[in-house]
Amino acid sequence: LAVSNASFQAAYGALRRGGTLVLVALPAGGKLELPVFETV
């Protein structure tokens, strides 16, 4: 919910295996880089 790309990255890193990140905040130019290997 924080309007911050860094907060998205931190939330992703906090997930346990099988966890779900729900993106809600919409910062201008918002982006989230995902490591494909870890995500899969």
PDB file of all heavy atoms in Angstrom:
ATOM      1  N   LEU A   1       0.806  -1.220   0.000  1.00  0.00           N
ATOM      2  CA  LEU A   1       0.000   0.000   0.000  1.00  0.00           C
ATOM      3  C   LEU A   1       0.838   1.269   0.000  1.00  0.00           C
ATOM      4  O   LEU A   1       0.306   2.358  -0.245  1.00  0.00           O
ATOM      5  CB  LEU A   1      -0.922   0.015   1.228  1.00  0.00           C
ATOM      6  CG  LEU A   1      -1.853  -1.199   1.370  1.00  0.00           C
ATOM      7  CD1 LEU A   1      -2.539  -1.181   2.728  1.00  0.00           C
ATOM      8  CD2 LEU A   1      -2.879  -1.227   0.249  1.00  0.00           C
ATOM      9  N   ALA A   2       2.120   1.163   0.292  1.00  0.00           N
ATOM     10  CA  ALA A   2       3.003   2.335   0.315  1.00  0.00           C
ATOM     11  C   ALA A   2       3.339   2.746  -1.119  1.00  0.00           C
ATOM     12  O   ALA A   2       3.618   1.891  -1.969  1.00  0.00           O
ATOM     13  CB  ALA A   2       4.275   2.029   1.087  1.00  0.00           C
ATOM     14  N   VAL A   3       3.309   4.035  -1.379  1.00  0.00           N
ATOM     15  CA  VAL A   3       3.567   4.536  -2.732  1.00  0.00           C
ATOM     16  C   VAL A   3       5.082   4.634  -2.927  1.00  0.00           C
ATOM     17  O   VAL A   3       5.673   5.709  -2.904  1.00  0.00           O
ATOM     18  CB  VAL A   3       2.880   5.896  -2.951  1.00  0.00           C
ATOM     19  CG1 VAL A   3       3.022   6.365  -4.396  1.00  0.00           C
ATOM     20  CG2 VAL A   3       1.405   5.804  -2.583  1.00  0.00           C
ATOM     21  N   SER A   4       5.701   3.471  -3.113  1.00  0.00           N
ATOM     22  CA  SER A   4       7.159   3.413  -3.163  1.00  0.00           C
ATOM     23  C   SER A   4       7.602   2.114  -3.807  1.00  0.00           C
ATOM     24  O   SER A   4       7.195   1.021  -3.381  1.00  0.00           O
ATOM     25  CB  SER A   4       7.728   3.506  -1.741  1.00  0.00           C
ATOM     26  OG  SER A   4       8.994   2.929  -1.641  1.00  0.00           O
ATOM     27  N   ASN A   5       8.446   2.199  -4.837  1.00  0.00           N
ATOM     28  CA  ASN A   5       8.970   0.993  -5.472  1.00  0.00           C
ATOM     29  C   ASN A   5       9.801   0.157  -4.499  1.00  0.00           C
ATOM     30  O   ASN A   5       9.770  -1.073  -4.533  1.00  0.00           O
ATOM     31  CB  ASN A   5       9.815   1.369  -6.689  1.00  0.00           C
ATOM     32  CG  ASN A   5       8.977   1.881  -7.845  1.00  0.00           C
ATOM     33  OD1 ASN A   5       7.782   1.613  -7.924  1.00  0.00           O
ATOM     34  ND2 ASN A   5       9.595   2.628  -8.740  1.00  0.00           N
ATOM     35  N   ALA A   6      10.547   0.842  -3.619  1.00  0.00           N
ATOM     36  CA  ALA A   6      11.372   0.122  -2.654  1.00  0.00           C
ATOM     37  C   ALA A   6      10.515  -0.711  -1.704  1.00  0.00           C
ATOM     38  O   ALA A   6      10.903  -1.817  -1.308  1.00  0.00           O
ATOM     39  CB  ALA A   6      12.235   1.111  -1.864  1.00  0.00           C
ATOM     40  N   SER A   7       9.335  -0.186  -1.354  1.00  0.00           N
ATOM     41  CA  SER A   7       8.452  -0.930  -0.448  1.00  0.00           C
ATOM     42  C   SER A   7       7.902  -2.179  -1.136  1.00  0.00           C
ATOM     43  O   SER A   7       7.688  -3.208  -0.496  1.00  0.00           O
ATOM     44  CB  SER A   7       7.311  -0.038   0.039  1.00  0.00           C
ATOM     45  OG  SER A   7       6.388   0.244  -0.999  1.00  0.00           O
ATOM     46  N   PHE A   8       7.667  -2.104  -2.454  1.00  0.00           N
ATOM     47  CA  PHE A   8       7.216  -3.292  -3.191  1.00  0.00           C
ATOM     48  C   PHE A   8       8.286  -4.384  -3.126  1.00  0.00           C
ATOM     49  O   PHE A   8       7.982  -5.551  -2.890  1.00  0.00           O
ATOM     50  CB  PHE A   8       6.967  -2.954  -4.667  1.00  0.00           C
ATOM     51  CG  PHE A   8       5.867  -1.957  -4.926  1.00  0.00           C
ATOM     52  CD1 PHE A   8       5.766  -1.345  -6.159  1.00  0.00           C
ATOM     53  CD2 PHE A   8       4.929  -1.645  -3.958  1.00  0.00           C
ATOM     54  CE1 PHE A   8       4.766  -0.428  -6.422  1.00  0.00           C
ATOM     55  CE2 PHE A   8       3.914  -0.731  -4.203  1.00  0.00           C
ATOM     56  CZ  PHE A   8       3.834  -0.118  -5.447  1.00  0.00           C
ATOM     57  N   GLN A   9       9.534  -3.981  -3.339  1.00  0.00           N
ATOM     58  CA  GLN A   9      10.634  -4.933  -3.349  1.00  0.00           C
ATOM     59  C   GLN A   9      10.808  -5.581  -1.974  1.00  0.00           C
ATOM     60  O   GLN A   9      11.034  -6.788  -1.859  1.00  0.00           O
ATOM     61  CB  GLN A   9      11.926  -4.229  -3.770  1.00  0.00           C
ATOM     62  CG  GLN A   9      12.912  -5.098  -4.524  1.00  0.00           C
ATOM     63  CD  GLN A   9      12.423  -5.491  -5.915  1.00  0.00           C
ATOM     64  OE1 GLN A   9      12.026  -4.647  -6.697  1.00  0.00           O
ATOM     65  NE2 GLN A   9      12.442  -6.788  -6.202  1.00  0.00           N
ATOM     66  N   ALA A  10      10.672  -4.758  -0.925  1.00  0.00           N
ATOM     67  CA  ALA A  10      10.811  -5.284   0.432  1.00  0.00           C
ATOM     68  C   ALA A  10       9.683  -6.261   0.755  1.00  0.00           C
ATOM     69  O   ALA A  10       9.907  -7.307   1.384  1.00  0.00           O
ATOM     70  CB  ALA A  10      10.828  -4.133   1.437  1.00  0.00           C
ATOM     71  N   ALA A  11       8.460  -5.933   0.320  1.00  0.00           N
ATOM     72  CA  ALA A  11       7.321  -6.815   0.575  1.00  0.00           C
ATOM     73  C   ALA A  11       7.498  -8.148  -0.152  1.00  0.00           C
ATOM     74  O   ALA A  11       7.199  -9.217   0.397  1.00  0.00           O
ATOM     75  CB  ALA A  11       6.028  -6.130   0.150  1.00  0.00           C
ATOM     76  N   TYR A  12       7.988  -8.084  -1.372  1.00  0.00           N
ATOM     77  CA  TYR A  12       8.250  -9.318  -2.128  1.00  0.00           C
ATOM     78  C   TYR A  12       9.276 -10.177  -1.389  1.00  0.00           C
ATOM     79  O   TYR A  12       9.108 -11.395  -1.242  1.00  0.00           O
ATOM     80  CB  TYR A  12       8.748  -8.969  -3.532  1.00  0.00           C
ATOM     81  CG  TYR A  12       9.157 -10.178  -4.350  1.00  0.00           C
ATOM     82  CD1 TYR A  12       8.221 -10.861  -5.119  1.00  0.00           C
ATOM     83  CD2 TYR A  12      10.478 -10.632  -4.340  1.00  0.00           C
ATOM     84  CE1 TYR A  12       8.592 -11.969  -5.864  1.00  0.00           C
ATOM     85  CE2 TYR A  12      10.853 -11.741  -5.076  1.00  0.00           C
ATOM     86  CZ  TYR A  12       9.917 -12.412  -5.834  1.00  0.00           C
ATOM     87  OH  TYR A  12      10.285 -13.520  -6.561  1.00  0.00           O
ATOM     88  N   GLY A  13      10.337  -9.536  -0.911  1.00  0.00           N
ATOM     89  CA  GLY A  13      11.387 -10.265  -0.205  1.00  0.00           C
ATOM     90  C   GLY A  13      10.941 -10.853   1.119  1.00  0.00           C
ATOM     91  O   GLY A  13      11.588 -11.756   1.650  1.00  0.00           O
ATOM     92  N   ALA A  14       9.835 -10.355   1.658  1.00  0.00           N
ATOM     93  CA  ALA A  14       9.337 -10.835   2.950  1.00  0.00           C
ATOM     94  C   ALA A  14       8.472 -12.083   2.839  1.00  0.00           C
ATOM     95  O   ALA A  14       8.131 -12.696   3.854  1.00  0.00           O
ATOM     96  CB  ALA A  14       8.541  -9.723   3.629  1.00  0.00           C
ATOM     97  N   LEU A  15       8.103 -12.468   1.614  1.00  0.00           N
ATOM     98  CA  LEU A  15       7.182 -13.593   1.437  1.00  0.00           C
ATOM     99  C   LEU A  15       7.842 -14.932   1.747  1.00  0.00           C
ATOM    100  O   LEU A  15       9.018 -15.148   1.451  1.00  0.00           O
ATOM    101  CB  LEU A  15       6.664 -13.627   0.001  1.00  0.00           C
ATOM    102  CG  LEU A  15       5.776 -12.470  -0.439  1.00  0.00           C
ATOM    103  CD1 LEU A  15       5.514 -12.559  -1.942  1.00  0.00           C
ATOM    104  CD2 LEU A  15       4.467 -12.457   0.339  1.00  0.00           C
ATOM    105  N   ARG A  16       7.080 -15.828   2.315  1.00  0.00           N
ATOM    106  CA  ARG A  16       7.519 -17.205   2.470  1.00  0.00           C
ATOM    107  C   ARG A  16       7.263 -17.945   1.155  1.00  0.00           C
ATOM    108  O   ARG A  16       6.605 -17.417   0.256  1.00  0.00           O
ATOM    109  CB  ARG A  16       6.788 -17.891   3.621  1.00  0.00           C
ATOM    110  CG  ARG A  16       5.285 -17.958   3.430  1.00  0.00           C
ATOM    111  CD  ARG A  16       4.575 -18.529   4.646  1.00  0.00           C
ATOM    112  NE  ARG A  16       4.712 -19.982   4.702  1.00  0.00           N
ATOM    113  CZ  ARG A  16       4.993 -20.668   5.804  1.00  0.00           C
ATOM    114  NH1 ARG A  16       5.179 -20.053   6.955  1.00  0.00           N
ATOM    115  NH2 ARG A  16       5.089 -21.976   5.773  1.00  0.00           N
ATOM    116  N   ARG A  17       7.741 -19.155   1.047  1.00  0.00           N
ATOM    117  CA  ARG A  17       7.477 -19.955  -0.160  1.00  0.00           C
ATOM    118  C   ARG A  17       5.966 -20.146  -0.316  1.00  0.00           C
ATOM    119  O   ARG A  17       5.270 -20.470   0.641  1.00  0.00           O
ATOM    120  CB  ARG A  17       8.175 -21.305  -0.096  1.00  0.00           C
ATOM    121  CG  ARG A  17       9.680 -21.203  -0.109  1.00  0.00           C
ATOM    122  CD  ARG A  17      10.333 -22.547  -0.332  1.00  0.00           C
ATOM    123  NE  ARG A  17      11.025 -22.591  -1.628  1.00  0.00           N
ATOM    124  CZ  ARG A  17      11.559 -23.686  -2.136  1.00  0.00           C
ATOM    125  NH1 ARG A  17      11.458 -24.842  -1.485  1.00  0.00           N
ATOM    126  NH2 ARG A  17      12.180 -23.658  -3.284  1.00  0.00           N
ATOM    127  N   GLY A  18       5.502 -19.922  -1.547  1.00  0.00           N
ATOM    128  CA  GLY A  18       4.067 -20.037  -1.808  1.00  0.00           C
ATOM    129  C   GLY A  18       3.299 -18.786  -1.437  1.00  0.00           C
ATOM    130  O   GLY A  18       2.070 -18.772  -1.533  1.00  0.00           O
ATOM    131  N   GLY A  19       4.005 -17.728  -1.025  1.00  0.00           N
ATOM    132  CA  GLY A  19       3.337 -16.508  -0.594  1.00  0.00           C
ATOM    133  C   GLY A  19       2.787 -15.686  -1.754  1.00  0.00           C
ATOM    134  O   GLY A  19       3.127 -15.905  -2.917  1.00  0.00           O
ATOM    135  N   THR A  20       1.934 -14.712  -1.392  1.00  0.00           N
ATOM    136  CA  THR A  20       1.266 -13.873  -2.382  1.00  0.00           C
ATOM    137  C   THR A  20       1.529 -12.404  -2.102  1.00  0.00           C
ATOM    138  O   THR A  20       1.289 -11.929  -0.983  1.00  0.00           O
ATOM    139  CB  THR A  20      -0.260 -14.111  -2.374  1.00  0.00           C
ATOM    140  OG1 THR A  20      -0.526 -15.484  -2.664  1.00  0.00           O
ATOM    141  CG2 THR A  20      -0.959 -13.234  -3.399  1.00  0.00           C
ATOM    142  N   LEU A  21       2.028 -11.694  -3.096  1.00  0.00           N
ATOM    143  CA  LEU A  21       2.182 -10.248  -3.015  1.00  0.00           C
ATOM    144  C   LEU A  21       1.011  -9.609  -3.743  1.00  0.00           C
ATOM    145  O   LEU A  21       0.785  -9.877  -4.927  1.00  0.00           O
ATOM    146  CB  LEU A  21       3.503  -9.807  -3.661  1.00  0.00           C
ATOM    147  CG  LEU A  21       3.725  -8.297  -3.809  1.00  0.00           C
ATOM    148  CD1 LEU A  21       3.729  -7.597  -2.458  1.00  0.00           C
ATOM    149  CD2 LEU A  21       5.014  -8.011  -4.569  1.00  0.00           C
ATOM    150  N   VAL A  22       0.259  -8.771  -3.040  1.00  0.00           N
ATOM    151  CA  VAL A  22      -0.877  -8.071  -3.640  1.00  0.00           C
ATOM    152  C   VAL A  22      -0.497  -6.601  -3.816  1.00  0.00           C
ATOM    153  O   VAL A  22      -0.287  -5.880  -2.844  1.00  0.00           O
ATOM    154  CB  VAL A  22      -2.136  -8.190  -2.762  1.00  0.00           C
ATOM    155  CG1 VAL A  22      -3.329  -7.541  -3.462  1.00  0.00           C
ATOM    156  CG2 VAL A  22      -2.445  -9.650  -2.454  1.00  0.00           C
ATOM    157  N   LEU A  23      -0.387  -6.176  -5.072  1.00  0.00           N
ATOM    158  CA  LEU A  23      -0.045  -4.793  -5.386  1.00  0.00           C
ATOM    159  C   LEU A  23      -1.309  -3.947  -5.442  1.00  0.00           C
ATOM    160  O   LEU A  23      -2.243  -4.269  -6.177  1.00  0.00           O
ATOM    161  CB  LEU A  23       0.686  -4.725  -6.735  1.00  0.00           C
ATOM    162  CG  LEU A  23       2.011  -5.488  -6.830  1.00  0.00           C
ATOM    163  CD1 LEU A  23       2.529  -5.460  -8.265  1.00  0.00           C
ATOM    164  CD2 LEU A  23       3.031  -4.902  -5.873  1.00  0.00           C
ATOM    165  N   VAL A  24      -1.315  -2.866  -4.660  1.00  0.00           N
ATOM    166  CA  VAL A  24      -2.470  -1.971  -4.607  1.00  0.00           C
ATOM    167  C   VAL A  24      -2.064  -0.534  -4.925  1.00  0.00           C
ATOM    168  O   VAL A  24      -2.701   0.143  -5.733  1.00  0.00           O
ATOM    169  CB  VAL A  24      -3.153  -2.039  -3.220  1.00  0.00           C
ATOM    170  CG1 VAL A  24      -4.334  -1.075  -3.156  1.00  0.00           C
ATOM    171  CG2 VAL A  24      -3.622  -3.464  -2.914  1.00  0.00           C
ATOM    172  N   ALA A  25      -0.995  -0.043  -4.275  1.00  0.00           N
ATOM    173  CA  ALA A  25      -0.555   1.342  -4.487  1.00  0.00           C
ATOM    174  C   ALA A  25      -0.111   1.533  -5.934  1.00  0.00           C
ATOM    175  O   ALA A  25       0.408   0.613  -6.573  1.00  0.00           O
ATOM    176  CB  ALA A  25       0.592   1.682  -3.538  1.00  0.00           C
ATOM    177  N   LEU A  26      -0.316   2.757  -6.440  1.00  0.00           N
ATOM    178  CA  LEU A  26       0.012   3.058  -7.840  1.00  0.00           C
ATOM    179  C   LEU A  26       0.888   4.303  -7.930  1.00  0.00           C
ATOM    180  O   LEU A  26       0.428   5.371  -8.349  1.00  0.00           O
ATOM    181  CB  LEU A  26      -1.279   3.275  -8.636  1.00  0.00           C
ATOM    182  CG  LEU A  26      -2.102   2.031  -8.961  1.00  0.00           C
ATOM    183  CD1 LEU A  26      -3.463   2.425  -9.517  1.00  0.00           C
ATOM    184  CD2 LEU A  26      -1.360   1.149  -9.948  1.00  0.00           C
ATOM    185  N   PRO A  27       2.153   4.196  -7.546  1.00  0.00           N
ATOM    186  CA  PRO A  27       3.035   5.356  -7.694  1.00  0.00           C
ATOM    187  C   PRO A  27       3.254   5.678  -9.169  1.00  0.00           C
ATOM    188  O   PRO A  27       3.245   4.778 -10.015  1.00  0.00           O
ATOM    189  CB  PRO A  27       4.339   4.901  -7.033  1.00  0.00           C
ATOM    190  CG  PRO A  27       4.310   3.411  -7.126  1.00  0.00           C
ATOM    191  CD  PRO A  27       2.869   3.022  -7.015  1.00  0.00           C
ATOM    192  N   ALA A  28       3.419   6.967  -9.477  1.00  0.00           N
ATOM    193  CA  ALA A  28       3.738   7.349 -10.846  1.00  0.00           C
ATOM    194  C   ALA A  28       5.032   6.659 -11.253  1.00  0.00           C
ATOM    195  O   ALA A  28       6.035   6.727 -10.549  1.00  0.00           O
ATOM    196  CB  ALA A  28       3.882   8.871 -10.941  1.00  0.00           C
ATOM    197  N   GLY A  29       5.010   5.950 -12.380  1.00  0.00           N
ATOM    198  CA  GLY A  29       6.195   5.230 -12.818  1.00  0.00           C
ATOM    199  C   GLY A  29       6.530   4.026 -11.965  1.00  0.00           C
ATOM    200  O   GLY A  29       7.684   3.586 -11.934  1.00  0.00           O
ATOM    201  N   GLY A  30       5.537   3.474 -11.276  1.00  0.00           N
ATOM    202  CA  GLY A  30       5.791   2.344 -10.390  1.00  0.00           C
ATOM    203  C   GLY A  30       6.285   1.105 -11.140  1.00  0.00           C
ATOM    204  O   GLY A  30       5.749   0.750 -12.190  1.00  0.00           O
ATOM    205  N   LYS A  31       7.306   0.445 -10.587  1.00  0.00           N
ATOM    206  CA  LYS A  31       7.860  -0.760 -11.185  1.00  0.00           C
ATOM    207  C   LYS A  31       8.293  -1.736 -10.101  1.00  0.00           C
ATOM    208  O   LYS A  31       8.691  -1.337  -9.014  1.00  0.00           O
ATOM    209  CB  LYS A  31       9.077  -0.432 -12.061  1.00  0.00           C
ATOM    210  CG  LYS A  31       8.736   0.292 -13.354  1.00  0.00           C
ATOM    211  CD  LYS A  31       9.979   0.474 -14.211  1.00  0.00           C
ATOM    212  CE  LYS A  31       9.630   1.164 -15.524  1.00  0.00           C
ATOM    213  NZ  LYS A  31      10.833   1.344 -16.388  1.00  0.00           N
ATOM    214  N   LEU A  32       8.210  -3.015 -10.432  1.00  0.00           N
ATOM    215  CA  LEU A  32       8.699  -4.064  -9.546  1.00  0.00           C
ATOM    216  C   LEU A  32       9.503  -5.045 -10.388  1.00  0.00           C
ATOM    217  O   LEU A  32       8.984  -5.630 -11.338  1.00  0.00           O
ATOM    218  CB  LEU A  32       7.538  -4.789  -8.866  1.00  0.00           C
ATOM    219  CG  LEU A  32       7.889  -6.027  -8.044  1.00  0.00           C
ATOM    220  CD1 LEU A  32       8.758  -5.655  -6.850  1.00  0.00           C
ATOM    221  CD2 LEU A  32       6.620  -6.748  -7.592  1.00  0.00           C
ATOM    222  N   GLU A  33      10.788  -5.218 -10.064  1.00  0.00           N
ATOM    223  CA  GLU A  33      11.627  -6.172 -10.768  1.00  0.00           C
ATOM    224  C   GLU A  33      11.561  -7.521 -10.057  1.00  0.00           C
ATOM    225  O   GLU A  33      11.829  -7.609  -8.859  1.00  0.00           O
ATOM    226  CB  GLU A  33      13.068  -5.670 -10.826  1.00  0.00           C
ATOM    227  CG  GLU A  33      13.252  -4.442 -11.703  1.00  0.00           C
ATOM    228  CD  GLU A  33      14.718  -4.109 -11.916  1.00  0.00           C
ATOM    229  OE1 GLU A  33      15.585  -4.894 -11.447  1.00  0.00           O
ATOM    230  OE2 GLU A  33      14.981  -3.072 -12.544  1.00  0.00           O
ATOM    231  N   LEU A  34      11.224  -8.555 -10.821  1.00  0.00           N
ATOM    232  CA  LEU A  34      11.069  -9.881 -10.246  1.00  0.00           C
ATOM    233  C   LEU A  34      12.188 -10.804 -10.696  1.00  0.00           C
ATOM    234  O   LEU A  34      12.449 -10.924 -11.901  1.00  0.00           O
ATOM    235  CB  LEU A  34       9.724 -10.493 -10.672  1.00  0.00           C
ATOM    236  CG  LEU A  34       8.461  -9.800 -10.189  1.00  0.00           C
ATOM    237  CD1 LEU A  34       7.242 -10.521 -10.749  1.00  0.00           C
ATOM    238  CD2 LEU A  34       8.406  -9.785  -8.669  1.00  0.00           C
ATOM    239  N   PRO A  35      12.830 -11.486  -9.758  1.00  0.00           N
ATOM    240  CA  PRO A  35      13.796 -12.522 -10.133  1.00  0.00           C
ATOM    241  C   PRO A  35      13.028 -13.774 -10.559  1.00  0.00           C
ATOM    242  O   PRO A  35      12.352 -14.410  -9.741  1.00  0.00           O
ATOM    243  CB  PRO A  35      14.583 -12.751  -8.839  1.00  0.00           C
ATOM    244  CG  PRO A  35      13.637 -12.359  -7.746  1.00  0.00           C
ATOM    245  CD  PRO A  35      12.737 -11.296  -8.309  1.00  0.00           C
ATOM    246  N   VAL A  36      13.108 -14.107 -11.814  1.00  0.00           N
ATOM    247  CA  VAL A  36      12.291 -15.195 -12.353  1.00  0.00           C
ATOM    248  C   VAL A  36      12.596 -16.524 -11.673  1.00  0.00           C
ATOM    249  O   VAL A  36      11.680 -17.270 -11.295  1.00  0.00           O
ATOM    250  CB  VAL A  36      12.472 -15.296 -13.880  1.00  0.00           C
ATOM    251  CG1 VAL A  36      11.723 -16.519 -14.433  1.00  0.00           C
ATOM    252  CG2 VAL A  36      11.984 -14.029 -14.551  1.00  0.00           C
ATOM    253  N   PHE A  37      13.874 -16.832 -11.496  1.00  0.00           N
ATOM    254  CA  PHE A  37      14.248 -18.118 -10.900  1.00  0.00           C
ATOM    255  C   PHE A  37      13.625 -18.276  -9.518  1.00  0.00           C
ATOM    256  O   PHE A  37      12.988 -19.290  -9.215  1.00  0.00           O
ATOM    257  CB  PHE A  37      15.778 -18.233 -10.819  1.00  0.00           C
ATOM    258  CG  PHE A  37      16.254 -19.554 -10.294  1.00  0.00           C
ATOM    259  CD1 PHE A  37      16.364 -20.658 -11.125  1.00  0.00           C
ATOM    260  CD2 PHE A  37      16.580 -19.705  -8.952  1.00  0.00           C
ATOM    261  CE1 PHE A  37      16.793 -21.889 -10.638  1.00  0.00           C
ATOM    262  CE2 PHE A  37      17.009 -20.924  -8.455  1.00  0.00           C
ATOM    263  CZ  PHE A  37      17.121 -22.024  -9.305  1.00  0.00           C
ATOM    264  N   GLU A  38      13.800 -17.260  -8.662  1.00  0.00           N
ATOM    265  CA  GLU A  38      13.260 -17.343  -7.294  1.00  0.00           C
ATOM    266  C   GLU A  38      11.739 -17.385  -7.300  1.00  0.00           C
ATOM    267  O   GLU A  38      11.115 -18.112  -6.511  1.00  0.00           O
ATOM    268  CB  GLU A  38      13.748 -16.158  -6.470  1.00  0.00           C
ATOM    269  CG  GLU A  38      15.233 -16.189  -6.152  1.00  0.00           C
ATOM    270  CD  GLU A  38      15.669 -14.954  -5.383  1.00  0.00           C
ATOM    271  OE1 GLU A  38      14.799 -14.251  -4.845  1.00  0.00           O
ATOM    272  OE2 GLU A  38      16.887 -14.688  -5.334  1.00  0.00           O
ATOM    273  N   THR A  39      11.125 -16.588  -8.164  1.00  0.00           N
ATOM    274  CA  THR A  39       9.659 -16.549  -8.220  1.00  0.00           C
ATOM    275  C   THR A  39       9.103 -17.921  -8.582  1.00  0.00           C
ATOM    276  O   THR A  39       8.132 -18.397  -7.981  1.00  0.00           O
ATOM    277  CB  THR A  39       9.192 -15.494  -9.233  1.00  0.00           C
ATOM    278  OG1 THR A  39       9.689 -14.217  -8.841  1.00  0.00           O
ATOM    279  CG2 THR A  39       7.675 -15.437  -9.306  1.00  0.00           C
ATOM    280  N   VAL A  40       9.716 -18.572  -9.568  1.00  0.00           N
ATOM    281  CA  VAL A  40       9.261 -19.893  -9.985  1.00  0.00           C
ATOM    282  C   VAL A  40       9.560 -20.936  -8.905  1.00  0.00           C
ATOM    283  O   VAL A  40       8.700 -21.729  -8.515  1.00  0.00           O
ATOM    284  CB  VAL A  40       9.921 -20.290 -11.319  1.00  0.00           C
ATOM    285  CG1 VAL A  40       9.596 -21.749 -11.671  1.00  0.00           C
ATOM    286  CG2 VAL A  40       9.457 -19.365 -12.438  1.00  0.00           C
TER     287      VAL A  40
END
